[in-house]
C-alpha atoms as a PDB file:
ATOM      1  CA  MET A   1       0.000   0.000   0.000  1.00  0.00           C
ATOM      2  CA  ASN A   2       1.372   3.398  -0.979  1.00  0.00           C
ATOM      3  CA  LYS A   3       1.858   5.725   1.936  1.00  0.00           C
ATOM      4  CA  THR A   4       1.557   9.169   0.401  1.00  0.00           C
ATOM      5  CA  GLU A   5      -0.380  11.070   3.059  1.00  0.00           C
ATOM      6  CA  MET A   6       1.330  12.752   6.007  1.00  0.00           C
ATOM      7  CA  ILE A   7       0.161  13.466   9.535  1.00  0.00           C
ATOM      8  CA  ILE A   8       2.204  15.962  11.511  1.00  0.00           C
ATOM      9  CA  MET A   9       2.227  15.404  15.252  1.00  0.00           C
ATOM     10  CA  ARG A  10       3.668  17.596  17.962  1.00  0.00           C
ATOM     11  CA  CYS A  11       5.183  16.184  21.138  1.00  0.00           C
ATOM     12  CA  SER A  12       7.677  17.156  23.812  1.00  0.00           C
ATOM     13  CA  VAL A  13      11.328  16.136  23.688  1.00  0.00           C
ATOM     14  CA  SER A  14      10.785  13.552  26.413  1.00  0.00           C
ATOM     15  CA  GLU A  15       7.718  12.117  24.627  1.00  0.00           C
ATOM     16  CA  LYS A  16       9.702  11.823  21.396  1.00  0.00           C
ATOM     17  CA  SER A  17      12.497  10.091  23.292  1.00  0.00           C
ATOM     18  CA  ILE A  18      10.045   7.593  24.796  1.00  0.00           C
ATOM     19  CA  ILE A  19       8.366   6.968  21.419  1.00  0.00           C
ATOM     20  CA  SER A  20      11.761   6.496  19.761  1.00  0.00           C
ATOM     21  CA  ARG A  21      12.897   3.988  22.404  1.00  0.00           C
ATOM     22  CA  MET A  22       9.628   2.060  22.181  1.00  0.00           C
ATOM     23  CA  ALA A  23       9.825   1.953  18.385  1.00  0.00           C
ATOM     24  CA  GLU A  24      13.424   0.759  18.544  1.00  0.00           C
ATOM     25  CA  LYS A  25      12.520  -1.884  21.123  1.00  0.00           C
ATOM     26  CA  CYS A  26       9.825  -3.149  18.732  1.00  0.00           C
ATOM     27  CA  GLY A  27      12.242  -3.140  15.814  1.00  0.00           C
ATOM     28  CA  MET A  28      10.285  -0.444  13.955  1.00  0.00           C
ATOM     29  CA  GLY A  29      10.716   3.086  12.758  1.00  0.00           C
ATOM     30  CA  ILE A  30       8.859   5.874  14.535  1.00  0.00           C
ATOM     31  CA  SER A  31       6.274   6.241  11.749  1.00  0.00           C
ATOM     32  CA  GLU A  32       5.523   2.532  11.622  1.00  0.00           C
ATOM     33  CA  TYR A  33       5.298   2.335  15.407  1.00  0.00           C
ATOM     34  CA  CYS A  34       2.908   5.307  15.651  1.00  0.00           C
ATOM     35  CA  ARG A  35       0.826   3.957  12.751  1.00  0.00           C
ATOM     36  CA  GLN A  36       0.397   0.535  14.385  1.00  0.00           C
ATOM     37  CA  GLN A  37      -0.274   2.087  17.779  1.00  0.00           C
ATOM     38  CA  ALA A  38      -3.004   4.278  16.291  1.00  0.00           C
ATOM     39  CA  MET A  39      -4.560   1.579  14.078  1.00  0.00           C
ATOM     40  CA  GLN A  40      -4.371  -1.407  16.437  1.00  0.00           C
ATOM     41  CA  GLY A  41      -4.148   0.206  19.848  1.00  0.00           C
ATOM     42  CA  GLU A  42      -1.104  -1.847  20.790  1.00  0.00           C
ATOM     43  CA  VAL A  43       2.275  -2.844  19.465  1.00  0.00           C
ATOM     44  CA  TRP A  44       4.040  -5.994  20.599  1.00  0.00           C
ATOM     45  CA  ALA A  45       7.708  -5.617  21.351  1.00  0.00           C
ATOM     46  CA  ILE A  46       9.512  -8.611  19.927  1.00  0.00           C
ATOM     47  CA  PRO A  47      13.034  -8.756  21.334  1.00  0.00           C
ATOM     48  CA  LYS A  48      15.854  -9.271  18.882  1.00  0.00           C
ATOM     49  CA  LEU A  49      17.226 -12.791  18.964  1.00  0.00           C
ATOM     50  CA  SER A  50      20.883 -13.565  19.402  1.00  0.00           C
ATOM     51  CA  SER A  51      22.629 -15.511  16.658  1.00  0.00           C
ATOM     52  CA  GLU A  52      22.624 -18.552  18.958  1.00  0.00           C
ATOM     53  CA  GLU A  53      18.838 -18.293  19.443  1.00  0.00           C
ATOM     54  CA  VAL A  54      18.318 -17.951  15.682  1.00  0.00           C
ATOM     55  CA  GLU A  55      20.443 -21.077  15.183  1.00  0.00           C
ATOM     56  CA  TYR A  56      18.297 -22.964  17.734  1.00  0.00           C
ATOM     57  CA  PHE A  57      15.132 -21.957  15.875  1.00  0.00           C
ATOM     58  CA  HIS A  58      16.612 -23.234  12.605  1.00  0.00           C
ATOM     59  CA  LEU A  59      17.441 -26.532  14.322  1.00  0.00           C
ATOM     60  CA  LEU A  60      13.920 -26.772  15.730  1.00  0.00           C
ATOM     61  CA  LYS A  61      12.493 -26.159  12.267  1.00  0.00           C
ATOM     62  CA  ALA A  62      14.698 -28.905  10.814  1.00  0.00           C
ATOM     63  CA  TYR A  63      13.620 -31.289  13.604  1.00  0.00           C
ATOM     64  CA  CYS A  64       9.977 -30.435  12.950  1.00  0.00           C
ATOM     65  CA  VAL A  65      10.345 -31.219   9.248  1.00  0.00           C
ATOM     66  CA  ASN A  66      12.079 -34.508  10.040  1.00  0.00           C
ATOM     67  CA  PHE A  67       9.456 -35.547  12.599  1.00  0.00           C
ATOM     68  CA  ASN A  68       6.703 -34.750  10.102  1.00  0.00           C
ATOM     69  CA  ARG A  69       8.420 -36.945   7.517  1.00  0.00           C
ATOM     70  CA  ILE A  70       8.723 -39.755  10.043  1.00  0.00           C
ATOM     71  CA  ALA A  71       5.062 -39.382  11.021  1.00  0.00           C
ATOM     72  CA  ASN A  72       4.021 -39.540   7.363  1.00  0.00           C
ATOM     73  CA  LEU A  73       6.078 -42.675   6.787  1.00  0.00           C
ATOM     74  CA  ILE A  74       4.605 -44.319   9.893  1.00  0.00           C
ATOM     75  CA  ARG A  75       1.126 -43.347   8.765  1.00  0.00           C
ATOM     76  CA  ASN A  76       1.853 -45.082   5.456  1.00  0.00           C
ATOM     77  CA  LYS A  77       2.874 -48.176   7.441  1.00  0.00           C
ATOM     78  CA  ASP A  78       6.434 -48.548   6.235  1.00  0.00           C
ATOM     79  CA  LEU A  79       7.456 -51.512   8.421  1.00  0.00           C
ATOM     80  CA  SER A  80      11.169 -51.156   7.729  1.00  0.00           C
ATOM     81  CA  LEU A  81      10.948 -47.657   9.120  1.00  0.00           C
ATOM     82  CA  LEU A  82       9.522 -48.920  12.404  1.00  0.00           C
ATOM     83  CA  ASP A  83      12.616 -51.079  12.912  1.00  0.00           C
ATOM     84  CA  ALA A  84      14.882 -48.127  12.090  1.00  0.00           C
ATOM     85  CA  ILE A  85      12.998 -45.924  14.569  1.00  0.00           C
ATOM     86  CA  ARG A  86      13.298 -48.536  17.325  1.00  0.00           C
ATOM     87  CA  GLU A  87      17.037 -48.763  16.694  1.00  0.00           C
ATOM     88  CA  LEU A  88      17.388 -44.971  16.702  1.00  0.00           C
ATOM     89  CA  VAL A  89      15.453 -44.652  19.964  1.00  0.00           C
ATOM     90  CA  SER A  90      17.632 -47.325  21.518  1.00  0.00           C
ATOM     91  CA  ASN A  91      20.813 -45.536  20.408  1.00  0.00           C
ATOM     92  CA  LEU A  92      19.548 -42.183  21.648  1.00  0.00           C
ATOM     93  CA  THR A  93      18.587 -43.709  25.005  1.00  0.00           C
ATOM     94  CA  GLN A  94      22.081 -45.148  25.375  1.00  0.00           C
ATOM     95  CA  LEU A  95      23.637 -41.777  24.519  1.00  0.00           C
ATOM     96  CA  GLN A  96      21.379 -40.053  27.012  1.00  0.00           C
ATOM     97  CA  LYS A  97      22.430 -42.470  29.754  1.00  0.00           C
ATOM     98  CA  ARG A  98      26.098 -41.833  28.976  1.00  0.00           C
ATOM     99  CA  ILE A  99      25.611 -38.050  29.127  1.00  0.00           C
ATOM    100  CA  ILE A 100      23.638 -38.102  32.372  1.00  0.00           C
END
């Protein structure tokens, strides 16, 4: 959507500082922050993720895809897969016991 119209708003220095910090905390510019605040009545501050957290989310996504594939294969009753899953669970259990 083209944003061609302007609204001019006056505020104090301290208000502008607060609005700027809130916009930055939400990862937005001041205009976008004010627009969402006016249109929706609230803006959710989503904290920036560290590179380690982003990496964890990518791993979780990969695990989710793999578990969905496994579930689909089980649903299709691939018997050889059931044996492979049992073996994998056994190996993972042994690794877990060694770690703990």
